[in-house]
Amino acid sequence: MPAPDLVTAELTLTSRLTTASNATFLGSIGDAAVVYKPIAGEKPLWDFPDGCLAHREVAAYLVSEVLGWNIVPRTWLRDGRFGEGMVQLWQETDPEQTAVDLVPADDVPDTGWKEVLQGQDENGRIVSLIHEDTPALRRMAVFDVLVNNADRKGDHVLAMGDGHRYGVDHGLTFHRAHKLRTVLWGWIGDALNAEELAGVDRVLSGLKGELGSQLAKLLTAEEIASFAARCARLRSAGVFPSPSGDMPAVPWPLF
């Protein structure tokens, strides 16, 4: 039997994620487990007045596809019980793996990890925010720069059993102004490698064709122009940027 059409087959809801700030439901389409975020359940944001979270989530997926790095799980728009919304394939993570962590400052591994910052925990102990030093997370950091991700928390990096890393929750992206807030700051000043530069080139090329046409249905012209400018700046600089502006460099909470 062929898999049910993910756009038109029945979307059955099974539970609600009550910890989410916007209406978020778990459900299924046939045998496929999905997350459903109806546009009607979004809370207005003063600093993201244009468009909606669902459209930006789908736009982030489209950019991920053109990059070719499989960062964002399959994401699309469709109707559900509470109207049109974003639907994304659910990913079952490996509880034994973590890509971003808080550890005592004197326990930061010597290799394989990057330290982002230090702070105090609720007991006054000095702790370090760290993340993996892996190609998968480097690519996600490039992706976040391009889409201007204002909310890359540690829990938005999904550690899969096969070593793959997915990024989720991309509603706060594509703002015209600089909004980059992320826990993935471990490569500041490092040169982008050939694969990363090629990915940026694919996006720049795509903006002149199908990607540009698809994004025009989801984002404003000003947002797309700012996105194109960010891509061009990163390609020209060829290095991971540093935090800039008056915005906090990391989201809060961190996870």
Foldseek 3Di string as FASTA:
>chain_A
DDFDDPAPAAWAFDAWDPVDPWTWTWTDRRPFIKIWGAQVRDDQDPQCNDFTLQLQQQLLVLLVVLLVLQAAADWDWHAHPRGIGIMGTDDDFDPVDFFKDKAQPVPDDPDQKFWDDWDADPVRGIITIMGGPDPQLVLVLLSCLLFLAQAAARVQWGQHPVRHIYGDRRSRTLDLDRRAAHSSPRFAFPFDDPSSLVSLVSVLVCCVDDSVVSSVVRGPPSSSVSSNVSSVVCNVVRGRHDDDDDHPRHDPPRD
